[in-house]
Amino acid sequence: MIACLLAAASPARAGERRPDPFPGVAASYLLKVDGTAVWEHSPDRRLPPASLTKMMTALLVLERGRLGEVATVSRAAAAETGARIGLKPGDRLRVAELLAATLLRSANDAAHALAEHVDGTEGRFVKRMNARAAALGMRNTRFANASGRHHPGHYSTANDLALLAEAALADDRFARLVAQVRLDIENADGSRTFPLENGNEMVGRYRGAVGVKTGYTREAGPCLVVLAERGPNRVLLVLLNAPNRWWDAVGMLDNAFSLAAAGGATPRP
C-alpha cells in the first residue's frame, strides 16, 4: 500500500491534478503533510461546510480580543436550533466561555451570541466574515451566517477551509481550545455551569490528534477538519460530506504518517 501511496504522492506540476488514492470517501477532501497538499479529491468544489464555519467565527472573535467582556444572549441567539448549550434570553457569559462552547460543543446559540456581541447583528458580523475570507484568499467561500446553518448562499471548499484552519491554528488560544477533550464553562455570575465535550472524536482517541472542528447538517453531510502531529510531521485533513468520516480519517491519517516516515511527502516549502 505504501509503495502505491509514495508513487501517488509525487509533487503535482503546475496545472496537473493531484492523485486521489481514497476514491469515494468524501464529496471533497484535501490532505496536507507538513504544509504540502499530497492527496485530494475535488478540493475546489463548492459545498456546504456546516459548522466548519465556526472556525471563521472563532478567528474573528480572537482577532478582536476582549475575551473577558460579558455578552448578553438575545432572543434570536437563544432561538437557534441544532447543536446548542441551551442559552436563554438575557443569559450573560464572558466571550471566552461562548468561544469555548462554539468550538467544542459547536453550539449555534453561542456562535450567534458572539456574532451579535462583536458587531451588533449577525448580518454585520457575516460581512466581516466574508471580508476576512477574501483577505485569506478563500476565493470559493461565501458565508451567510455565523454558525453554519444551511443556506443556498453559504458554501466553501476543502482548499479554502484548509487555509482557514491554518490561519486559526496559528493563534495559540484557538489551538489550545480545539485540543481540549472536555471543559466546563459557567455564566458570568457563576450560577450556571455548562459541561462541554469536544465533538471532534479524533481528539483524545487518535494518537497525535490536536484539533480542529466538526460539522454536520442534512445537506452538508458529515464534515471534519482534523490536525494530527507525530514527531516532526504534521498532517491536516479536510473532509466534506464524508459518510464514514471517523474511520476514513483514521485510515487516511495513518497512511499519511506512513508516507511521511518513508520520506514520500514533499518537504514544507
C-alpha atoms as a PDB file:
ATOM      1  CA  MET A   1       0.000   0.000   0.000  1.00  0.00           C
ATOM      2  CA  ILE A   2       2.688   2.480   0.959  1.00  0.00           C
ATOM      3  CA  ALA A   3       4.502   1.936  -2.351  1.00  0.00           C
ATOM      4  CA  CYS A   4       1.327   2.910  -4.193  1.00  0.00           C
ATOM      5  CA  LEU A   5       0.907   5.940  -1.948  1.00  0.00           C
ATOM      6  CA  LEU A   6       4.511   7.007  -2.448  1.00  0.00           C
ATOM      7  CA  ALA A   7       4.008   6.852  -6.190  1.00  0.00           C
ATOM      8  CA  ALA A   8       0.743   8.730  -5.849  1.00  0.00           C
ATOM      9  CA  ALA A   9       2.339  11.422  -3.701  1.00  0.00           C
ATOM     10  CA  SER A  10       4.774  12.766  -6.267  1.00  0.00           C
ATOM     11  CA  PRO A  11       4.500  16.566  -6.340  1.00  0.00           C
ATOM     12  CA  ALA A  12       1.991  17.769  -8.905  1.00  0.00           C
ATOM     13  CA  ARG A  13       3.283  20.078 -11.615  1.00  0.00           C
ATOM     14  CA  ALA A  14       1.506  23.345 -12.359  1.00  0.00           C
ATOM     15  CA  GLY A  15      -1.932  22.653 -13.787  1.00  0.00           C
ATOM     16  CA  GLU A  16      -1.680  18.949 -13.043  1.00  0.00           C
ATOM     17  CA  ARG A  17      -4.277  17.277 -10.832  1.00  0.00           C
ATOM     18  CA  ARG A  18      -3.046  15.589  -7.679  1.00  0.00           C
ATOM     19  CA  PRO A  19      -3.956  11.912  -7.248  1.00  0.00           C
ATOM     20  CA  ASP A  20      -6.928  10.512  -5.349  1.00  0.00           C
ATOM     21  CA  PRO A  21      -5.902   7.289  -3.598  1.00  0.00           C
ATOM     22  CA  PHE A  22      -9.076   7.333  -1.482  1.00  0.00           C
ATOM     23  CA  PRO A  23     -11.904   7.467  -4.024  1.00  0.00           C
ATOM     24  CA  GLY A  24     -15.387   7.686  -2.622  1.00  0.00           C
ATOM     25  CA  VAL A  25     -14.528   8.680   0.950  1.00  0.00           C
ATOM     26  CA  ALA A  26     -15.960  12.185   0.577  1.00  0.00           C
ATOM     27  CA  ALA A  27     -17.569  14.545  -1.890  1.00  0.00           C
ATOM     28  CA  SER A  28     -14.379  16.576  -1.499  1.00  0.00           C
ATOM     29  CA  TYR A  29     -11.208  16.215   0.522  1.00  0.00           C
ATOM     30  CA  LEU A  30      -7.709  17.604   0.898  1.00  0.00           C
ATOM     31  CA  LEU A  31      -4.817  16.102   2.843  1.00  0.00           C
ATOM     32  CA  LYS A  32      -1.661  18.103   3.548  1.00  0.00           C
ATOM     33  CA  VAL A  33       1.554  16.744   5.032  1.00  0.00           C
ATOM     34  CA  ASP A  34       3.893  19.325   6.558  1.00  0.00           C
ATOM     35  CA  GLY A  35       2.092  22.097   4.705  1.00  0.00           C
ATOM     36  CA  THR A  36       2.092  20.429   1.291  1.00  0.00           C
ATOM     37  CA  ALA A  37      -1.056  19.032  -0.346  1.00  0.00           C
ATOM     38  CA  VAL A  38      -0.364  15.422  -1.302  1.00  0.00           C
ATOM     39  CA  TRP A  39      -3.803  13.870  -1.861  1.00  0.00           C
ATOM     40  CA  GLU A  40      -7.087  15.432  -2.865  1.00  0.00           C
ATOM     41  CA  HIS A  41     -10.454  14.987  -4.496  1.00  0.00           C
ATOM     42  CA  SER A  42     -12.330  17.961  -5.941  1.00  0.00           C
ATOM     43  CA  PRO A  43     -10.715  20.379  -3.455  1.00  0.00           C
ATOM     44  CA  ASP A  44     -12.209  23.438  -5.166  1.00  0.00           C
ATOM     45  CA  ARG A  45     -15.765  22.097  -5.272  1.00  0.00           C
ATOM     46  CA  ARG A  46     -18.168  24.456  -3.523  1.00  0.00           C
ATOM     47  CA  LEU A  47     -20.080  22.605  -0.801  1.00  0.00           C
ATOM     48  CA  PRO A  48     -21.926  23.491   2.405  1.00  0.00           C
ATOM     49  CA  PRO A  49     -19.365  23.472   5.258  1.00  0.00           C
ATOM     50  CA  ALA A  50     -21.887  23.202   8.120  1.00  0.00           C
ATOM     51  CA  SER A  51     -20.223  24.009  11.458  1.00  0.00           C
ATOM     52  CA  LEU A  52     -16.713  24.153   9.994  1.00  0.00           C
ATOM     53  CA  THR A  53     -17.932  27.726   9.532  1.00  0.00           C
ATOM     54  CA  LYS A  54     -17.332  28.305  13.224  1.00  0.00           C
ATOM     55  CA  MET A  55     -13.566  28.321  12.641  1.00  0.00           C
ATOM     56  CA  MET A  56     -14.084  31.710  10.994  1.00  0.00           C
ATOM     57  CA  THR A  57     -16.396  32.907  13.776  1.00  0.00           C
ATOM     58  CA  ALA A  58     -13.777  31.952  16.343  1.00  0.00           C
ATOM     59  CA  LEU A  59     -10.915  33.500  14.378  1.00  0.00           C
ATOM     60  CA  LEU A  60     -12.690  36.857  14.189  1.00  0.00           C
ATOM     61  CA  VAL A  61     -13.567  36.822  17.874  1.00  0.00           C
ATOM     62  CA  LEU A  62      -9.958  36.078  18.777  1.00  0.00           C
ATOM     63  CA  GLU A  63      -8.622  38.756  16.463  1.00  0.00           C
ATOM     64  CA  ARG A  64     -10.912  41.308  18.123  1.00  0.00           C
ATOM     65  CA  GLY A  65      -9.748  40.241  21.587  1.00  0.00           C
ATOM     66  CA  ARG A  66     -11.554  41.432  24.727  1.00  0.00           C
ATOM     67  CA  LEU A  67     -12.296  37.844  25.713  1.00  0.00           C
ATOM     68  CA  GLY A  68     -13.160  38.927  29.235  1.00  0.00           C
ATOM     69  CA  GLU A  69     -16.091  41.053  28.127  1.00  0.00           C
ATOM     70  CA  VAL A  70     -19.564  39.835  29.082  1.00  0.00           C
ATOM     71  CA  ALA A  71     -22.084  39.203  26.302  1.00  0.00           C
ATOM     72  CA  THR A  72     -25.827  39.181  26.838  1.00  0.00           C
ATOM     73  CA  VAL A  73     -27.736  36.492  24.951  1.00  0.00           C
ATOM     74  CA  SER A  74     -30.513  37.821  22.715  1.00  0.00           C
ATOM     75  CA  ARG A  75     -33.833  36.178  21.979  1.00  0.00           C
ATOM     76  CA  ALA A  76     -32.635  35.426  18.430  1.00  0.00           C
ATOM     77  CA  ALA A  77     -29.460  33.733  19.664  1.00  0.00           C
ATOM     78  CA  ALA A  78     -31.376  31.677  22.218  1.00  0.00           C
ATOM     79  CA  ALA A  79     -33.797  30.577  19.492  1.00  0.00           C
ATOM     80  CA  GLU A  80     -31.058  28.905  17.434  1.00  0.00           C
ATOM     81  CA  THR A  81     -31.727  25.248  16.652  1.00  0.00           C
ATOM     82  CA  GLY A  82     -29.398  22.313  16.068  1.00  0.00           C
ATOM     83  CA  ALA A  83     -26.371  21.933  18.318  1.00  0.00           C
ATOM     84  CA  ARG A  84     -26.664  24.307  21.284  1.00  0.00           C
ATOM     85  CA  ILE A  85     -25.947  24.590  25.009  1.00  0.00           C
ATOM     86  CA  GLY A  86     -29.405  25.819  25.951  1.00  0.00           C
ATOM     87  CA  LEU A  87     -28.793  29.533  26.379  1.00  0.00           C
ATOM     88  CA  LYS A  88     -31.768  31.646  27.401  1.00  0.00           C
ATOM     89  CA  PRO A  89     -32.575  35.260  26.523  1.00  0.00           C
ATOM     90  CA  GLY A  90     -30.805  37.516  28.986  1.00  0.00           C
ATOM     91  CA  ASP A  91     -28.124  34.977  29.940  1.00  0.00           C
ATOM     92  CA  ARG A  92     -24.754  36.664  30.429  1.00  0.00           C
ATOM     93  CA  LEU A  93     -21.494  34.877  29.647  1.00  0.00           C
ATOM     94  CA  ARG A  94     -17.946  36.006  29.048  1.00  0.00           C
ATOM     95  CA  VAL A  95     -16.796  35.990  25.438  1.00  0.00           C
ATOM     96  CA  ALA A  96     -14.159  33.365  26.272  1.00  0.00           C
ATOM     97  CA  GLU A  97     -16.855  30.990  27.565  1.00  0.00           C
ATOM     98  CA  LEU A  98     -19.009  31.467  24.481  1.00  0.00           C
ATOM     99  CA  LEU A  99     -15.967  30.840  22.320  1.00  0.00           C
ATOM    100  CA  ALA A 100     -15.291  27.519  24.034  1.00  0.00           C
ATOM    101  CA  ALA A 101     -18.922  26.462  23.555  1.00  0.00           C
ATOM    102  CA  THR A 102     -18.729  27.451  19.882  1.00  0.00           C
ATOM    103  CA  LEU A 103     -15.644  25.373  19.186  1.00  0.00           C
ATOM    104  CA  LEU A 104     -16.068  22.345  21.466  1.00  0.00           C
ATOM    105  CA  ARG A 105     -19.844  21.854  21.600  1.00  0.00           C
ATOM    106  CA  SER A 106     -20.344  23.540  18.195  1.00  0.00           C
ATOM    107  CA  ALA A 107     -23.143  25.493  19.839  1.00  0.00           C
ATOM    108  CA  ASN A 108     -25.182  27.562  17.395  1.00  0.00           C
ATOM    109  CA  ASP A 109     -26.643  29.694  20.184  1.00  0.00           C
ATOM    110  CA  ALA A 110     -23.159  30.579  21.419  1.00  0.00           C
ATOM    111  CA  ALA A 111     -21.901  31.418  17.917  1.00  0.00           C
ATOM    112  CA  HIS A 112     -24.911  33.651  17.296  1.00  0.00           C
ATOM    113  CA  ALA A 113     -24.397  35.421  20.612  1.00  0.00           C
ATOM    114  CA  LEU A 114     -20.743  36.052  19.754  1.00  0.00           C
ATOM    115  CA  ALA A 115     -21.636  37.487  16.345  1.00  0.00           C
ATOM    116  CA  GLU A 116     -24.131  39.902  17.910  1.00  0.00           C
ATOM    117  CA  HIS A 117     -21.724  40.896  20.656  1.00  0.00           C
ATOM    118  CA  VAL A 118     -18.947  41.716  18.175  1.00  0.00           C
ATOM    119  CA  ASP A 119     -20.964  43.599  15.553  1.00  0.00           C
ATOM    120  CA  GLY A 120     -24.430  44.247  16.977  1.00  0.00           C
ATOM    121  CA  THR A 121     -26.200  41.994  14.479  1.00  0.00           C
ATOM    122  CA  GLU A 122     -25.375  38.657  12.887  1.00  0.00           C
ATOM    123  CA  GLY A 123     -25.754  40.287   9.462  1.00  0.00           C
ATOM    124  CA  ARG A 124     -22.970  42.781  10.124  1.00  0.00           C
ATOM    125  CA  PHE A 125     -20.769  40.005  11.519  1.00  0.00           C
ATOM    126  CA  VAL A 126     -21.318  37.981   8.337  1.00  0.00           C
ATOM    127  CA  LYS A 127     -19.958  40.903   6.313  1.00  0.00           C
ATOM    128  CA  ARG A 128     -16.861  40.784   8.500  1.00  0.00           C
ATOM    129  CA  MET A 129     -16.598  37.014   7.894  1.00  0.00           C
ATOM    130  CA  ASN A 130     -16.698  37.425   4.130  1.00  0.00           C
ATOM    131  CA  ALA A 131     -14.159  40.255   4.192  1.00  0.00           C
ATOM    132  CA  ARG A 132     -11.773  38.110   6.255  1.00  0.00           C
ATOM    133  CA  ALA A 133     -12.302  35.167   3.907  1.00  0.00           C
ATOM    134  CA  ALA A 134     -11.345  37.357   0.957  1.00  0.00           C
ATOM    135  CA  ALA A 135      -8.249  38.577   2.797  1.00  0.00           C
ATOM    136  CA  LEU A 136      -7.207  34.982   3.443  1.00  0.00           C
ATOM    137  CA  GLY A 137      -7.534  34.153  -0.254  1.00  0.00           C
ATOM    138  CA  MET A 138     -10.610  31.943   0.216  1.00  0.00           C
ATOM    139  CA  ARG A 139     -11.767  32.510  -3.338  1.00  0.00           C
ATOM    140  CA  ASN A 140     -14.608  29.974  -3.328  1.00  0.00           C
ATOM    141  CA  THR A 141     -16.203  30.753   0.017  1.00  0.00           C
ATOM    142  CA  ARG A 142     -19.286  32.714   0.956  1.00  0.00           C
ATOM    143  CA  PHE A 143     -20.797  32.870   4.437  1.00  0.00           C
ATOM    144  CA  ALA A 144     -24.453  33.623   5.184  1.00  0.00           C
ATOM    145  CA  ASN A 145     -24.435  33.117   8.968  1.00  0.00           C
ATOM    146  CA  ALA A 146     -22.056  32.633  11.886  1.00  0.00           C
ATOM    147  CA  SER A 147     -22.890  29.038  12.788  1.00  0.00           C
ATOM    148  CA  GLY A 148     -23.045  27.101   9.516  1.00  0.00           C
ATOM    149  CA  ARG A 149     -26.802  26.696   9.245  1.00  0.00           C
ATOM    150  CA  HIS A 150     -27.691  25.537   5.749  1.00  0.00           C
ATOM    151  CA  HIS A 151     -28.325  28.320   3.270  1.00  0.00           C
ATOM    152  CA  PRO A 152     -28.027  28.184  -0.525  1.00  0.00           C
ATOM    153  CA  GLY A 153     -25.596  31.094  -0.422  1.00  0.00           C
ATOM    154  CA  HIS A 154     -23.367  29.560   2.274  1.00  0.00           C
ATOM    155  CA  TYR A 155     -20.533  27.458   0.835  1.00  0.00           C
ATOM    156  CA  SER A 156     -16.821  26.774   0.916  1.00  0.00           C
ATOM    157  CA  THR A 157     -14.243  24.301  -0.398  1.00  0.00           C
ATOM    158  CA  ALA A 158     -11.668  21.936   1.051  1.00  0.00           C
ATOM    159  CA  ASN A 159      -8.854  24.174  -0.166  1.00  0.00           C
ATOM    160  CA  ASP A 160     -10.386  27.268   1.404  1.00  0.00           C
ATOM    161  CA  LEU A 161     -11.166  25.526   4.690  1.00  0.00           C
ATOM    162  CA  ALA A 162      -7.553  24.356   4.910  1.00  0.00           C
ATOM    163  CA  LEU A 163      -6.466  27.984   4.568  1.00  0.00           C
ATOM    164  CA  LEU A 164      -8.910  28.976   7.300  1.00  0.00           C
ATOM    165  CA  ALA A 165      -7.846  26.175   9.647  1.00  0.00           C
ATOM    166  CA  GLU A 166      -4.168  27.064   9.238  1.00  0.00           C
ATOM    167  CA  ALA A 167      -4.880  30.739   9.961  1.00  0.00           C
ATOM    168  CA  ALA A 168      -6.918  29.905  13.055  1.00  0.00           C
ATOM    169  CA  LEU A 169      -4.411  27.357  14.361  1.00  0.00           C
ATOM    170  CA  ALA A 170      -1.673  29.980  14.166  1.00  0.00           C
ATOM    171  CA  ASP A 171      -3.408  31.591  17.153  1.00  0.00           C
ATOM    172  CA  ASP A 172      -2.280  29.685  20.254  1.00  0.00           C
ATOM    173  CA  ARG A 173      -5.576  30.435  22.009  1.00  0.00           C
ATOM    174  CA  PHE A 174      -7.529  28.720  19.232  1.00  0.00           C
ATOM    175  CA  ALA A 175      -5.092  25.794  19.119  1.00  0.00           C
ATOM    176  CA  ARG A 176      -5.346  25.247  22.879  1.00  0.00           C
ATOM    177  CA  LEU A 177      -9.145  25.297  22.840  1.00  0.00           C
ATOM    178  CA  VAL A 178      -9.643  22.806  19.999  1.00  0.00           C
ATOM    179  CA  ALA A 179      -7.200  20.407  21.683  1.00  0.00           C
ATOM    180  CA  GLN A 180      -9.412  20.139  24.790  1.00  0.00           C
ATOM    181  CA  VAL A 181     -11.326  16.906  25.293  1.00  0.00           C
ATOM    182  CA  ARG A 182     -13.628  18.282  27.990  1.00  0.00           C
ATOM    183  CA  LEU A 183     -14.111  21.677  29.580  1.00  0.00           C
ATOM    184  CA  ASP A 184     -16.641  23.189  31.948  1.00  0.00           C
ATOM    185  CA  ILE A 185     -17.749  26.788  31.467  1.00  0.00           C
ATOM    186  CA  GLU A 186     -20.106  28.913  33.503  1.00  0.00           C
ATOM    187  CA  ASN A 187     -22.151  32.037  33.133  1.00  0.00           C
ATOM    188  CA  ALA A 188     -20.897  35.421  34.310  1.00  0.00           C
ATOM    189  CA  ASP A 189     -22.233  35.205  37.876  1.00  0.00           C
ATOM    190  CA  GLY A 190     -21.263  31.549  38.290  1.00  0.00           C
ATOM    191  CA  SER A 191     -24.816  30.394  38.877  1.00  0.00           C
ATOM    192  CA  ARG A 192     -24.932  28.026  35.917  1.00  0.00           C
ATOM    193  CA  THR A 193     -22.362  25.540  34.603  1.00  0.00           C
ATOM    194  CA  PHE A 194     -22.189  24.117  31.082  1.00  0.00           C
ATOM    195  CA  PRO A 195     -20.139  20.921  30.672  1.00  0.00           C
ATOM    196  CA  LEU A 196     -18.572  20.776  27.211  1.00  0.00           C
ATOM    197  CA  GLU A 197     -17.216  17.712  25.441  1.00  0.00           C
ATOM    198  CA  ASN A 198     -15.247  18.100  22.218  1.00  0.00           C
ATOM    199  CA  GLY A 199     -17.365  16.905  19.289  1.00  0.00           C
ATOM    200  CA  ASN A 200     -14.184  16.066  17.398  1.00  0.00           C
ATOM    201  CA  GLU A 201     -13.888  12.393  18.346  1.00  0.00           C
ATOM    202  CA  MET A 202     -10.346  12.222  17.000  1.00  0.00           C
ATOM    203  CA  VAL A 203      -9.069  14.385  19.862  1.00  0.00           C
ATOM    204  CA  GLY A 204      -8.164  12.184  22.815  1.00  0.00           C
ATOM    205  CA  ARG A 205      -8.675   8.995  20.803  1.00  0.00           C
ATOM    206  CA  TYR A 206      -6.343   9.179  17.800  1.00  0.00           C
ATOM    207  CA  ARG A 207      -2.639   9.375  18.632  1.00  0.00           C
ATOM    208  CA  GLY A 208      -1.363  12.824  17.809  1.00  0.00           C
ATOM    209  CA  ALA A 209      -4.748  14.447  17.060  1.00  0.00           C
ATOM    210  CA  VAL A 210      -4.745  18.042  18.323  1.00  0.00           C
ATOM    211  CA  GLY A 211      -7.933  19.557  16.775  1.00  0.00           C
ATOM    212  CA  VAL A 212      -9.744  21.109  14.953  1.00  0.00           C
ATOM    213  CA  LYS A 213     -13.547  21.108  14.106  1.00  0.00           C
ATOM    214  CA  THR A 214     -16.527  19.002  13.063  1.00  0.00           C
ATOM    215  CA  GLY A 215     -19.670  19.866  11.140  1.00  0.00           C
ATOM    216  CA  TYR A 216     -22.944  18.257  10.153  1.00  0.00           C
ATOM    217  CA  THR A 217     -26.203  19.229   8.551  1.00  0.00           C
ATOM    218  CA  ARG A 218     -28.510  17.065   6.483  1.00  0.00           C
ATOM    219  CA  GLU A 219     -27.464  18.965   3.370  1.00  0.00           C
ATOM    220  CA  ALA A 220     -23.718  19.085   4.116  1.00  0.00           C
ATOM    221  CA  GLY A 221     -23.381  15.559   5.486  1.00  0.00           C
ATOM    222  CA  PRO A 222     -20.631  14.705   7.969  1.00  0.00           C
ATOM    223  CA  CYS A 223     -17.676  17.107   7.710  1.00  0.00           C
ATOM    224  CA  LEU A 224     -14.367  17.204   9.537  1.00  0.00           C
ATOM    225  CA  VAL A 225     -11.137  19.163   9.726  1.00  0.00           C
ATOM    226  CA  VAL A 226      -8.509  17.369  11.813  1.00  0.00           C
ATOM    227  CA  LEU A 227      -4.885  18.137  12.586  1.00  0.00           C
ATOM    228  CA  ALA A 228      -2.539  15.445  13.881  1.00  0.00           C
ATOM    229  CA  GLU A 229       1.120  15.700  14.811  1.00  0.00           C
ATOM    230  CA  ARG A 230       3.673  12.937  15.353  1.00  0.00           C
ATOM    231  CA  GLY A 231       7.296  13.832  15.833  1.00  0.00           C
ATOM    232  CA  PRO A 232       8.321  16.301  13.146  1.00  0.00           C
ATOM    233  CA  ASN A 233       5.311  15.579  10.931  1.00  0.00           C
ATOM    234  CA  ARG A 234       2.037  17.487  10.798  1.00  0.00           C
ATOM    235  CA  VAL A 235      -0.984  16.224   8.856  1.00  0.00           C
ATOM    236  CA  LEU A 236      -4.062  18.340   8.122  1.00  0.00           C
ATOM    237  CA  LEU A 237      -7.137  16.651   6.644  1.00  0.00           C
ATOM    238  CA  VAL A 238     -10.331  18.329   5.404  1.00  0.00           C
ATOM    239  CA  LEU A 239     -13.330  16.091   4.645  1.00  0.00           C
ATOM    240  CA  LEU A 240     -16.597  17.427   3.221  1.00  0.00           C
ATOM    241  CA  ASN A 241     -19.639  15.154   3.116  1.00  0.00           C
ATOM    242  CA  ALA A 242     -17.771  12.055   4.238  1.00  0.00           C
ATOM    243  CA  PRO A 243     -20.289   9.404   5.349  1.00  0.00           C
ATOM    244  CA  ASN A 244     -17.702   7.456   7.391  1.00  0.00           C
ATOM    245  CA  ARG A 245     -15.611  10.426   8.452  1.00  0.00           C
ATOM    246  CA  TRP A 246     -14.141   8.908  11.626  1.00  0.00           C
ATOM    247  CA  TRP A 247     -12.980   5.582  10.213  1.00  0.00           C
ATOM    248  CA  ASP A 248     -11.842   7.096   6.926  1.00  0.00           C
ATOM    249  CA  ALA A 249      -9.973   9.887   8.705  1.00  0.00           C
ATOM    250  CA  VAL A 250      -8.090   7.314  10.791  1.00  0.00           C
ATOM    251  CA  GLY A 251      -7.066   5.372   7.687  1.00  0.00           C
ATOM    252  CA  MET A 252      -6.033   8.483   5.774  1.00  0.00           C
ATOM    253  CA  LEU A 253      -4.003   9.883   8.662  1.00  0.00           C
ATOM    254  CA  ASP A 254      -2.313   6.522   9.266  1.00  0.00           C
ATOM    255  CA  ASN A 255      -1.304   6.367   5.618  1.00  0.00           C
ATOM    256  CA  ALA A 256      -0.127   9.973   5.660  1.00  0.00           C
ATOM    257  CA  PHE A 257       2.162   9.352   8.636  1.00  0.00           C
ATOM    258  CA  SER A 258       3.491   6.189   6.983  1.00  0.00           C
ATOM    259  CA  LEU A 259       4.163   8.220   3.870  1.00  0.00           C
ATOM    260  CA  ALA A 260       5.958  10.900   5.848  1.00  0.00           C
ATOM    261  CA  ALA A 261       8.056   8.332   7.704  1.00  0.00           C
ATOM    262  CA  ALA A 262       9.059   6.783   4.388  1.00  0.00           C
ATOM    263  CA  GLY A 263      10.148  10.181   3.113  1.00  0.00           C
ATOM    264  CA  GLY A 264       7.467  10.358   0.468  1.00  0.00           C
ATOM    265  CA  ALA A 265       5.955  13.688   1.438  1.00  0.00           C
ATOM    266  CA  THR A 266       7.234  16.838  -0.165  1.00  0.00           C
ATOM    267  CA  PRO A 267       9.020  18.996   2.436  1.00  0.00           C
ATOM    268  CA  ARG A 268       7.323  22.193   3.541  1.00  0.00           C
ATOM    269  CA  PRO A 269       8.414  24.971   1.148  1.00  0.00           C
END
